[in-house]
Amino acid sequence: TQFLSTLDKENTRSGYAEMLKHGLISDEKMWKELISFS
């Protein structure tokens, strides 16, 4: 995950969308953390 600090904001957000999807299909605790992350 050290690679992540080298990404521009667009590519960080691009990957984050799939994480948000995983939260929505998984559980509410995960979803809440994802939508409150800066």
PDB file of all heavy atoms in Angstrom:
ATOM      1  N   THR A   1       0.812  -1.218   0.000  1.00  0.00           N
ATOM      2  CA  THR A   1       0.000   0.000   0.000  1.00  0.00           C
ATOM      3  C   THR A   1       0.851   1.276   0.000  1.00  0.00           C
ATOM      4  O   THR A   1       0.291   2.377  -0.097  1.00  0.00           O
ATOM      5  CB  THR A   1      -0.963   0.022   1.203  1.00  0.00           C
ATOM      6  OG1 THR A   1      -0.218  -0.215   2.403  1.00  0.00           O
ATOM      7  CG2 THR A   1      -2.031  -1.047   1.055  1.00  0.00           C
ATOM      8  N   GLN A   2       2.172   1.158   0.087  1.00  0.00           N
ATOM      9  CA  GLN A   2       3.005   2.363  -0.052  1.00  0.00           C
ATOM     10  C   GLN A   2       2.831   2.989  -1.435  1.00  0.00           C
ATOM     11  O   GLN A   2       3.032   4.193  -1.605  1.00  0.00           O
ATOM     12  CB  GLN A   2       4.480   2.014   0.177  1.00  0.00           C
ATOM     13  CG  GLN A   2       4.791   1.688   1.638  1.00  0.00           C
ATOM     14  CD  GLN A   2       6.276   1.432   1.858  1.00  0.00           C
ATOM     15  OE1 GLN A   2       7.122   1.967   1.157  1.00  0.00           O
ATOM     16  NE2 GLN A   2       6.575   0.608   2.853  1.00  0.00           N
ATOM     17  N   PHE A   3       2.451   2.185  -2.412  1.00  0.00           N
ATOM     18  CA  PHE A   3       2.193   2.728  -3.754  1.00  0.00           C
ATOM     19  C   PHE A   3       1.082   3.785  -3.725  1.00  0.00           C
ATOM     20  O   PHE A   3       1.059   4.698  -4.553  1.00  0.00           O
ATOM     21  CB  PHE A   3       1.776   1.613  -4.715  1.00  0.00           C
ATOM     22  CG  PHE A   3       2.903   0.735  -5.189  1.00  0.00           C
ATOM     23  CD1 PHE A   3       2.890  -0.627  -4.936  1.00  0.00           C
ATOM     24  CD2 PHE A   3       3.958   1.261  -5.915  1.00  0.00           C
ATOM     25  CE1 PHE A   3       3.916  -1.449  -5.389  1.00  0.00           C
ATOM     26  CE2 PHE A   3       4.987   0.450  -6.376  1.00  0.00           C
ATOM     27  CZ  PHE A   3       4.967  -0.904  -6.110  1.00  0.00           C
ATOM     28  N   LEU A   4       0.151   3.646  -2.780  1.00  0.00           N
ATOM     29  CA  LEU A   4      -1.025   4.514  -2.780  1.00  0.00           C
ATOM     30  C   LEU A   4      -0.671   5.984  -2.575  1.00  0.00           C
ATOM     31  O   LEU A   4      -1.353   6.865  -3.078  1.00  0.00           O
ATOM     32  CB  LEU A   4      -2.023   4.063  -1.711  1.00  0.00           C
ATOM     33  CG  LEU A   4      -2.585   2.653  -1.871  1.00  0.00           C
ATOM     34  CD1 LEU A   4      -3.585   2.336  -0.775  1.00  0.00           C
ATOM     35  CD2 LEU A   4      -3.242   2.490  -3.245  1.00  0.00           C
ATOM     36  N   SER A   5       0.409   6.248  -1.832  1.00  0.00           N
ATOM     37  CA  SER A   5       0.798   7.633  -1.574  1.00  0.00           C
ATOM     38  C   SER A   5       1.345   8.306  -2.835  1.00  0.00           C
ATOM     39  O   SER A   5       1.549   9.524  -2.853  1.00  0.00           O
ATOM     40  CB  SER A   5       1.828   7.702  -0.446  1.00  0.00           C
ATOM     41  OG  SER A   5       3.006   7.018  -0.822  1.00  0.00           O
ATOM     42  N   THR A   6       1.588   7.521  -3.901  1.00  0.00           N
ATOM     43  CA  THR A   6       2.125   8.096  -5.154  1.00  0.00           C
ATOM     44  C   THR A   6       1.020   8.437  -6.149  1.00  0.00           C
ATOM     45  O   THR A   6       1.306   9.005  -7.196  1.00  0.00           O
ATOM     46  CB  THR A   6       3.093   7.102  -5.830  1.00  0.00           C
ATOM     47  OG1 THR A   6       2.345   6.002  -6.380  1.00  0.00           O
ATOM     48  CG2 THR A   6       4.127   6.564  -4.853  1.00  0.00           C
ATOM     49  N   LEU A   7      -0.235   8.095  -5.834  1.00  0.00           N
ATOM     50  CA  LEU A   7      -1.321   8.285  -6.795  1.00  0.00           C
ATOM     51  C   LEU A   7      -1.840   9.716  -6.783  1.00  0.00           C
ATOM     52  O   LEU A   7      -1.871  10.366  -5.742  1.00  0.00           O
ATOM     53  CB  LEU A   7      -2.481   7.340  -6.477  1.00  0.00           C
ATOM     54  CG  LEU A   7      -2.222   5.839  -6.566  1.00  0.00           C
ATOM     55  CD1 LEU A   7      -3.494   5.083  -6.201  1.00  0.00           C
ATOM     56  CD2 LEU A   7      -1.746   5.451  -7.943  1.00  0.00           C
ATOM     57  N   ASP A   8      -2.308  10.180  -7.938  1.00  0.00           N
ATOM     58  CA  ASP A   8      -3.016  11.457  -7.967  1.00  0.00           C
ATOM     59  C   ASP A   8      -4.431  11.237  -7.423  1.00  0.00           C
ATOM     60  O   ASP A   8      -4.880  10.111  -7.230  1.00  0.00           O
ATOM     61  CB  ASP A   8      -3.048  12.049  -9.380  1.00  0.00           C
ATOM     62  CG  ASP A   8      -3.711  11.139 -10.405  1.00  0.00           C
ATOM     63  OD1 ASP A   8      -4.640  10.384 -10.035  1.00  0.00           O
ATOM     64  OD2 ASP A   8      -3.301  11.159 -11.579  1.00  0.00           O
ATOM     65  N   LYS A   9      -5.141  12.336  -7.149  1.00  0.00           N
ATOM     66  CA  LYS A   9      -6.440  12.224  -6.491  1.00  0.00           C
ATOM     67  C   LYS A   9      -7.452  11.488  -7.363  1.00  0.00           C
ATOM     68  O   LYS A   9      -8.312  10.761  -6.850  1.00  0.00           O
ATOM     69  CB  LYS A   9      -6.967  13.598  -6.097  1.00  0.00           C
ATOM     70  CG  LYS A   9      -7.342  14.522  -7.243  1.00  0.00           C
ATOM     71  CD  LYS A   9      -7.898  15.851  -6.725  1.00  0.00           C
ATOM     72  CE  LYS A   9      -8.340  16.734  -7.891  1.00  0.00           C
ATOM     73  NZ  LYS A   9      -8.896  18.026  -7.414  1.00  0.00           N
ATOM     74  N   GLU A  10      -7.361  11.650  -8.706  1.00  0.00           N
ATOM     75  CA  GLU A  10      -8.320  10.989  -9.593  1.00  0.00           C
ATOM     76  C   GLU A  10      -8.188   9.472  -9.509  1.00  0.00           C
ATOM     77  O   GLU A  10      -9.194   8.753  -9.449  1.00  0.00           O
ATOM     78  CB  GLU A  10      -8.132  11.461 -11.032  1.00  0.00           C
ATOM     79  CG  GLU A  10      -8.607  12.870 -11.311  1.00  0.00           C
ATOM     80  CD  GLU A  10      -7.649  13.949 -10.829  1.00  0.00           C
ATOM     81  OE1 GLU A  10      -6.461  13.632 -10.592  1.00  0.00           O
ATOM     82  OE2 GLU A  10      -8.071  15.112 -10.696  1.00  0.00           O
ATOM     83  N   ASN A  11      -6.953   8.963  -9.504  1.00  0.00           N
ATOM     84  CA  ASN A  11      -6.766   7.512  -9.444  1.00  0.00           C
ATOM     85  C   ASN A  11      -7.068   6.961  -8.060  1.00  0.00           C
ATOM     86  O   ASN A  11      -7.523   5.820  -7.930  1.00  0.00           O
ATOM     87  CB  ASN A  11      -5.353   7.149  -9.892  1.00  0.00           C
ATOM     88  CG  ASN A  11      -5.245   7.043 -11.397  1.00  0.00           C
ATOM     89  OD1 ASN A  11      -5.724   6.088 -11.999  1.00  0.00           O
ATOM     90  ND2 ASN A  11      -4.639   8.047 -12.030  1.00  0.00           N
ATOM     91  N   THR A  12      -6.831   7.753  -7.013  1.00  0.00           N
ATOM     92  CA  THR A  12      -7.236   7.333  -5.673  1.00  0.00           C
ATOM     93  C   THR A  12      -8.750   7.182  -5.617  1.00  0.00           C
ATOM     94  O   THR A  12      -9.284   6.184  -5.125  1.00  0.00           O
ATOM     95  CB  THR A  12      -6.766   8.346  -4.617  1.00  0.00           C
ATOM     96  OG1 THR A  12      -5.339   8.422  -4.641  1.00  0.00           O
ATOM     97  CG2 THR A  12      -7.210   7.932  -3.219  1.00  0.00           C
ATOM     98  N   ARG A  13      -9.457   8.170  -6.153  1.00  0.00           N
ATOM     99  CA  ARG A  13     -10.917   8.126  -6.118  1.00  0.00           C
ATOM    100  C   ARG A  13     -11.471   7.025  -7.009  1.00  0.00           C
ATOM    101  O   ARG A  13     -12.495   6.412  -6.683  1.00  0.00           O
ATOM    102  CB  ARG A  13     -11.476   9.496  -6.507  1.00  0.00           C
ATOM    103  CG  ARG A  13     -11.172  10.549  -5.456  1.00  0.00           C
ATOM    104  CD  ARG A  13     -11.612  11.945  -5.828  1.00  0.00           C
ATOM    105  NE  ARG A  13     -11.132  12.883  -4.814  1.00  0.00           N
ATOM    106  CZ  ARG A  13     -11.506  14.140  -4.722  1.00  0.00           C
ATOM    107  NH1 ARG A  13     -12.375  14.633  -5.589  1.00  0.00           N
ATOM    108  NH2 ARG A  13     -11.026  14.921  -3.764  1.00  0.00           N
ATOM    109  N   SER A  14     -10.811   6.774  -8.120  1.00  0.00           N
ATOM    110  CA  SER A  14     -11.255   5.708  -9.015  1.00  0.00           C
ATOM    111  C   SER A  14     -11.277   4.364  -8.285  1.00  0.00           C
ATOM    112  O   SER A  14     -12.243   3.607  -8.369  1.00  0.00           O
ATOM    113  CB  SER A  14     -10.334   5.645 -10.240  1.00  0.00           C
ATOM    114  OG  SER A  14     -10.757   4.638 -11.134  1.00  0.00           O
ATOM    115  N   GLY A  15     -10.214   4.068  -7.557  1.00  0.00           N
ATOM    116  CA  GLY A  15     -10.180   2.827  -6.789  1.00  0.00           C
ATOM    117  C   GLY A  15     -11.156   2.836  -5.632  1.00  0.00           C
ATOM    118  O   GLY A  15     -11.752   1.804  -5.280  1.00  0.00           O
ATOM    119  N   TYR A  16     -11.332   4.008  -5.045  1.00  0.00           N
ATOM    120  CA  TYR A  16     -12.216   4.108  -3.879  1.00  0.00           C
ATOM    121  C   TYR A  16     -13.663   3.780  -4.247  1.00  0.00           C
ATOM    122  O   TYR A  16     -14.420   3.268  -3.421  1.00  0.00           O
ATOM    123  CB  TYR A  16     -12.125   5.509  -3.282  1.00  0.00           C
ATOM    124  CG  TYR A  16     -12.639   5.595  -1.862  1.00  0.00           C
ATOM    125  CD1 TYR A  16     -11.817   5.242  -0.794  1.00  0.00           C
ATOM    126  CD2 TYR A  16     -13.941   6.005  -1.583  1.00  0.00           C
ATOM    127  CE1 TYR A  16     -12.274   5.305   0.512  1.00  0.00           C
ATOM    128  CE2 TYR A  16     -14.410   6.072  -0.279  1.00  0.00           C
ATOM    129  CZ  TYR A  16     -13.566   5.715   0.766  1.00  0.00           C
ATOM    130  OH  TYR A  16     -14.022   5.772   2.064  1.00  0.00           O
ATOM    131  N   ALA A  17     -14.046   4.060  -5.486  1.00  0.00           N
ATOM    132  CA  ALA A  17     -15.413   3.740  -5.919  1.00  0.00           C
ATOM    133  C   ALA A  17     -15.692   2.245  -5.773  1.00  0.00           C
ATOM    134  O   ALA A  17     -16.781   1.843  -5.334  1.00  0.00           O
ATOM    135  CB  ALA A  17     -15.620   4.189  -7.365  1.00  0.00           C
ATOM    136  N   GLU A  18     -14.718   1.408  -6.131  1.00  0.00           N
ATOM    137  CA  GLU A  18     -14.911  -0.040  -5.983  1.00  0.00           C
ATOM    138  C   GLU A  18     -14.980  -0.426  -4.502  1.00  0.00           C
ATOM    139  O   GLU A  18     -15.718  -1.345  -4.124  1.00  0.00           O
ATOM    140  CB  GLU A  18     -13.786  -0.802  -6.683  1.00  0.00           C
ATOM    141  CG  GLU A  18     -13.817  -0.707  -8.208  1.00  0.00           C
ATOM    142  CD  GLU A  18     -14.893  -1.574  -8.853  1.00  0.00           C
ATOM    143  OE1 GLU A  18     -15.613  -2.293  -8.134  1.00  0.00           O
ATOM    144  OE2 GLU A  18     -15.008  -1.537 -10.098  1.00  0.00           O
ATOM    145  N   MET A  19     -14.230   0.275  -3.652  1.00  0.00           N
ATOM    146  CA  MET A  19     -14.327   0.017  -2.207  1.00  0.00           C
ATOM    147  C   MET A  19     -15.716   0.374  -1.698  1.00  0.00           C
ATOM    148  O   MET A  19     -16.291  -0.352  -0.873  1.00  0.00           O
ATOM    149  CB  MET A  19     -13.250   0.814  -1.471  1.00  0.00           C
ATOM    150  CG  MET A  19     -11.840   0.364  -1.766  1.00  0.00           C
ATOM    151  SD  MET A  19     -10.582   1.402  -0.974  1.00  0.00           S
ATOM    152  CE  MET A  19     -10.893   1.074   0.764  1.00  0.00           C
ATOM    153  N   LEU A  20     -16.249   1.505  -2.176  1.00  0.00           N
ATOM    154  CA  LEU A  20     -17.595   1.905  -1.774  1.00  0.00           C
ATOM    155  C   LEU A  20     -18.614   0.854  -2.206  1.00  0.00           C
ATOM    156  O   LEU A  20     -19.543   0.530  -1.461  1.00  0.00           O
ATOM    157  CB  LEU A  20     -17.925   3.269  -2.388  1.00  0.00           C
ATOM    158  CG  LEU A  20     -19.293   3.870  -2.051  1.00  0.00           C
ATOM    159  CD1 LEU A  20     -19.466   4.040  -0.550  1.00  0.00           C
ATOM    160  CD2 LEU A  20     -19.469   5.216  -2.757  1.00  0.00           C
ATOM    161  N   LYS A  21     -18.430   0.312  -3.392  1.00  0.00           N
ATOM    162  CA  LYS A  21     -19.300  -0.773  -3.863  1.00  0.00           C
ATOM    163  C   LYS A  21     -19.215  -1.961  -2.920  1.00  0.00           C
ATOM    164  O   LYS A  21     -20.251  -2.546  -2.539  1.00  0.00           O
ATOM    165  CB  LYS A  21     -18.894  -1.198  -5.270  1.00  0.00           C
ATOM    166  CG  LYS A  21     -19.687  -2.369  -5.839  1.00  0.00           C
ATOM    167  CD  LYS A  21     -18.951  -3.051  -6.966  1.00  0.00           C
ATOM    168  CE  LYS A  21     -17.785  -3.887  -6.450  1.00  0.00           C
ATOM    169  NZ  LYS A  21     -17.065  -4.574  -7.553  1.00  0.00           N
ATOM    170  N   HIS A  22     -18.011  -2.339  -2.516  1.00  0.00           N
ATOM    171  CA  HIS A  22     -17.848  -3.470  -1.600  1.00  0.00           C
ATOM    172  C   HIS A  22     -18.565  -3.207  -0.278  1.00  0.00           C
ATOM    173  O   HIS A  22     -19.151  -4.118   0.312  1.00  0.00           O
ATOM    174  CB  HIS A  22     -16.362  -3.750  -1.350  1.00  0.00           C
ATOM    175  CG  HIS A  22     -15.666  -4.337  -2.532  1.00  0.00           C
ATOM    176  ND1 HIS A  22     -14.295  -4.274  -2.716  1.00  0.00           N
ATOM    177  CD2 HIS A  22     -16.145  -5.007  -3.620  1.00  0.00           C
ATOM    178  CE1 HIS A  22     -13.972  -4.868  -3.847  1.00  0.00           C
ATOM    179  NE2 HIS A  22     -15.075  -5.325  -4.409  1.00  0.00           N
ATOM    180  N   GLY A  23     -18.535  -1.952   0.194  1.00  0.00           N
ATOM    181  CA  GLY A  23     -19.252  -1.619   1.417  1.00  0.00           C
ATOM    182  C   GLY A  23     -20.757  -1.763   1.253  1.00  0.00           C
ATOM    183  O   GLY A  23     -21.450  -2.303   2.126  1.00  0.00           O
ATOM    184  N   LEU A  24     -21.281  -1.307   0.119  1.00  0.00           N
ATOM    185  CA  LEU A  24     -22.724  -1.368  -0.128  1.00  0.00           C
ATOM    186  C   LEU A  24     -23.233  -2.808  -0.227  1.00  0.00           C
ATOM    187  O   LEU A  24     -24.352  -3.111   0.191  1.00  0.00           O
ATOM    188  CB  LEU A  24     -23.068  -0.612  -1.411  1.00  0.00           C
ATOM    189  CG  LEU A  24     -23.077   0.918  -1.291  1.00  0.00           C
ATOM    190  CD1 LEU A  24     -22.996   1.563  -2.673  1.00  0.00           C
ATOM    191  CD2 LEU A  24     -24.332   1.402  -0.551  1.00  0.00           C
ATOM    192  N   ILE A  25     -22.411  -3.704  -0.769  1.00  0.00           N
ATOM    193  CA  ILE A  25     -22.860  -5.098  -0.908  1.00  0.00           C
ATOM    194  C   ILE A  25     -22.480  -5.939   0.314  1.00  0.00           C
ATOM    195  O   ILE A  25     -22.804  -7.128   0.371  1.00  0.00           O
ATOM    196  CB  ILE A  25     -22.298  -5.764  -2.189  1.00  0.00           C
ATOM    197  CG1 ILE A  25     -20.772  -5.901  -2.134  1.00  0.00           C
ATOM    198  CG2 ILE A  25     -22.742  -5.001  -3.427  1.00  0.00           C
ATOM    199  CD1 ILE A  25     -20.184  -6.700  -3.294  1.00  0.00           C
ATOM    200  N   SER A  26     -21.821  -5.294   1.308  1.00  0.00           N
ATOM    201  CA  SER A  26     -21.344  -6.041   2.469  1.00  0.00           C
ATOM    202  C   SER A  26     -22.158  -5.748   3.728  1.00  0.00           C
ATOM    203  O   SER A  26     -23.079  -6.484   4.064  1.00  0.00           O
ATOM    204  CB  SER A  26     -19.854  -5.751   2.700  1.00  0.00           C
ATOM    205  OG  SER A  26     -19.382  -6.479   3.805  1.00  0.00           O
ATOM    206  N   ASP A  27     -21.833  -4.660   4.433  1.00  0.00           N
ATOM    207  CA  ASP A  27     -22.560  -4.364   5.669  1.00  0.00           C
ATOM    208  C   ASP A  27     -22.535  -2.877   5.986  1.00  0.00           C
ATOM    209  O   ASP A  27     -21.714  -2.121   5.458  1.00  0.00           O
ATOM    210  CB  ASP A  27     -22.008  -5.173   6.852  1.00  0.00           C
ATOM    211  CG  ASP A  27     -20.563  -4.837   7.173  1.00  0.00           C
ATOM    212  OD1 ASP A  27     -20.302  -3.701   7.628  1.00  0.00           O
ATOM    213  OD2 ASP A  27     -19.695  -5.693   6.963  1.00  0.00           O
ATOM    214  N   GLU A  28     -23.448  -2.476   6.881  1.00  0.00           N
ATOM    215  CA  GLU A  28     -23.649  -1.054   7.161  1.00  0.00           C
ATOM    216  C   GLU A  28     -22.444  -0.415   7.846  1.00  0.00           C
ATOM    217  O   GLU A  28     -22.124   0.748   7.581  1.00  0.00           O
ATOM    218  CB  GLU A  28     -24.901  -0.877   8.025  1.00  0.00           C
ATOM    219  CG  GLU A  28     -25.337   0.565   8.138  1.00  0.00           C
ATOM    220  CD  GLU A  28     -26.820   0.720   8.391  1.00  0.00           C
ATOM    221  OE1 GLU A  28     -27.584  -0.220   8.101  1.00  0.00           O
ATOM    222  OE2 GLU A  28     -27.211   1.788   8.873  1.00  0.00           O
ATOM    223  N   LYS A  29     -21.758  -1.156   8.721  1.00  0.00           N
ATOM    224  CA  LYS A  29     -20.587  -0.602   9.407  1.00  0.00           C
ATOM    225  C   LYS A  29     -19.520  -0.191   8.393  1.00  0.00           C
ATOM    226  O   LYS A  29     -18.929   0.898   8.480  1.00  0.00           O
ATOM    227  CB  LYS A  29     -20.025  -1.634  10.386  1.00  0.00           C
ATOM    228  CG  LYS A  29     -18.811  -1.145  11.149  1.00  0.00           C
ATOM    229  CD  LYS A  29     -18.226  -2.240  12.025  1.00  0.00           C
ATOM    230  CE  LYS A  29     -16.927  -1.765  12.671  1.00  0.00           C
ATOM    231  NZ  LYS A  29     -16.220  -2.859  13.395  1.00  0.00           N
ATOM    232  N   MET A  30     -19.252  -1.051   7.437  1.00  0.00           N
ATOM    233  CA  MET A  30     -18.252  -0.768   6.408  1.00  0.00           C
ATOM    234  C   MET A  30     -18.688   0.416   5.552  1.00  0.00           C
ATOM    235  O   MET A  30     -17.895   1.315   5.240  1.00  0.00           O
ATOM    236  CB  MET A  30     -18.040  -2.017   5.550  1.00  0.00           C
ATOM    237  CG  MET A  30     -16.888  -1.926   4.569  1.00  0.00           C
ATOM    238  SD  MET A  30     -16.668  -3.526   3.731  1.00  0.00           S
ATOM    239  CE  MET A  30     -15.259  -3.134   2.679  1.00  0.00           C
ATOM    240  N   TRP A  31     -19.969   0.433   5.162  1.00  0.00           N
ATOM    241  CA  TRP A  31     -20.507   1.527   4.356  1.00  0.00           C
ATOM    242  C   TRP A  31     -20.357   2.867   5.077  1.00  0.00           C
ATOM    243  O   TRP A  31     -19.927   3.862   4.492  1.00  0.00           O
ATOM    244  CB  TRP A  31     -21.977   1.245   4.038  1.00  0.00           C
ATOM    245  CG  TRP A  31     -22.724   2.396   3.430  1.00  0.00           C
ATOM    246  CD1 TRP A  31     -22.641   2.866   2.152  1.00  0.00           C
ATOM    247  CD2 TRP A  31     -23.705   3.224   4.083  1.00  0.00           C
ATOM    248  NE1 TRP A  31     -23.496   3.929   1.965  1.00  0.00           N
ATOM    249  CE2 TRP A  31     -24.157   4.170   3.128  1.00  0.00           C
ATOM    250  CE3 TRP A  31     -24.247   3.255   5.369  1.00  0.00           C
ATOM    251  CZ2 TRP A  31     -25.120   5.133   3.432  1.00  0.00           C
ATOM    252  CZ3 TRP A  31     -25.214   4.212   5.664  1.00  0.00           C
ATOM    253  CH2 TRP A  31     -25.632   5.131   4.710  1.00  0.00           C
ATOM    254  N   LYS A  32     -20.691   2.903   6.377  1.00  0.00           N
ATOM    255  CA  LYS A  32     -20.621   4.149   7.142  1.00  0.00           C
ATOM    256  C   LYS A  32     -19.192   4.680   7.211  1.00  0.00           C
ATOM    257  O   LYS A  32     -18.960   5.892   7.107  1.00  0.00           O
ATOM    258  CB  LYS A  32     -21.178   3.940   8.551  1.00  0.00           C
ATOM    259  CG  LYS A  32     -22.697   3.904   8.606  1.00  0.00           C
ATOM    260  CD  LYS A  32     -23.202   3.739  10.033  1.00  0.00           C
ATOM    261  CE  LYS A  32     -24.725   3.818  10.090  1.00  0.00           C
ATOM    262  NZ  LYS A  32     -25.231   3.571  11.469  1.00  0.00           N
ATOM    263  N   GLU A  33     -18.222   3.780   7.394  1.00  0.00           N
ATOM    264  CA  GLU A  33     -16.830   4.228   7.438  1.00  0.00           C
ATOM    265  C   GLU A  33     -16.398   4.786   6.083  1.00  0.00           C
ATOM    266  O   GLU A  33     -15.715   5.813   6.004  1.00  0.00           O
ATOM    267  CB  GLU A  33     -15.891   3.084   7.849  1.00  0.00           C
ATOM    268  CG  GLU A  33     -14.436   3.534   7.943  1.00  0.00           C
ATOM    269  CD  GLU A  33     -13.483   2.466   8.458  1.00  0.00           C
ATOM    270  OE1 GLU A  33     -13.804   1.258   8.321  1.00  0.00           O
ATOM    271  OE2 GLU A  33     -12.420   2.832   8.994  1.00  0.00           O
ATOM    272  N   LEU A  34     -16.838   4.135   5.022  1.00  0.00           N
ATOM    273  CA  LEU A  34     -16.446   4.568   3.676  1.00  0.00           C
ATOM    274  C   LEU A  34     -17.010   5.940   3.324  1.00  0.00           C
ATOM    275  O   LEU A  34     -16.311   6.769   2.734  1.00  0.00           O
ATOM    276  CB  LEU A  34     -16.899   3.525   2.646  1.00  0.00           C
ATOM    277  CG  LEU A  34     -16.065   2.247   2.613  1.00  0.00           C
ATOM    278  CD1 LEU A  34     -16.860   1.108   1.985  1.00  0.00           C
ATOM    279  CD2 LEU A  34     -14.765   2.469   1.844  1.00  0.00           C
ATOM    280  N   ILE A  35     -18.263   6.215   3.690  1.00  0.00           N
ATOM    281  CA  ILE A  35     -18.852   7.504   3.308  1.00  0.00           C
ATOM    282  C   ILE A  35     -18.454   8.635   4.262  1.00  0.00           C
ATOM    283  O   ILE A  35     -18.762   9.802   4.001  1.00  0.00           O
ATOM    284  CB  ILE A  35     -20.392   7.441   3.176  1.00  0.00           C
ATOM    285  CG1 ILE A  35     -21.043   7.064   4.502  1.00  0.00           C
ATOM    286  CG2 ILE A  35     -20.810   6.524   2.058  1.00  0.00           C
ATOM    287  CD1 ILE A  35     -22.545   7.299   4.509  1.00  0.00           C
ATOM    288  N   SER A  36     -17.749   8.288   5.364  1.00  0.00           N
ATOM    289  CA  SER A  36     -17.273   9.338   6.268  1.00  0.00           C
ATOM    290  C   SER A  36     -15.768   9.573   6.115  1.00  0.00           C
ATOM    291  O   SER A  36     -15.203  10.457   6.755  1.00  0.00           O
ATOM    292  CB  SER A  36     -17.601   8.978   7.723  1.00  0.00           C
ATOM    293  OG  SER A  36     -16.957   7.762   8.093  1.00  0.00           O
ATOM    294  N   PHE A  37     -15.116   8.794   5.249  1.00  0.00           N
ATOM    295  CA  PHE A  37     -13.671   8.922   5.029  1.00  0.00           C
ATOM    296  C   PHE A  37     -13.392  10.157   4.170  1.00  0.00           C
ATOM    297  O   PHE A  37     -14.125  10.441   3.215  1.00  0.00           O
ATOM    298  CB  PHE A  37     -13.146   7.663   4.331  1.00  0.00           C
ATOM    299  CG  PHE A  37     -11.649   7.630   4.135  1.00  0.00           C
ATOM    300  CD1 PHE A  37     -10.803   7.336   5.189  1.00  0.00           C
ATOM    301  CD2 PHE A  37     -11.091   7.879   2.889  1.00  0.00           C
ATOM    302  CE1 PHE A  37      -9.423   7.281   5.011  1.00  0.00           C
ATOM    303  CE2 PHE A  37      -9.722   7.831   2.692  1.00  0.00           C
ATOM    304  CZ  PHE A  37      -8.888   7.534   3.759  1.00  0.00           C
ATOM    305  N   SER A  38     -12.336  10.891   4.497  1.00  0.00           N
ATOM    306  CA  SER A  38     -12.000  12.091   3.733  1.00  0.00           C
ATOM    307  C   SER A  38     -11.092  11.748   2.555  1.00  0.00           C
ATOM    308  O   SER A  38      -9.939  11.351   2.744  1.00  0.00           O
ATOM    309  CB  SER A  38     -11.297  13.123   4.622  1.00  0.00           C
ATOM    310  OG  SER A  38     -10.841  14.213   3.830  1.00  0.00           O
TER     311      SER A  38
END
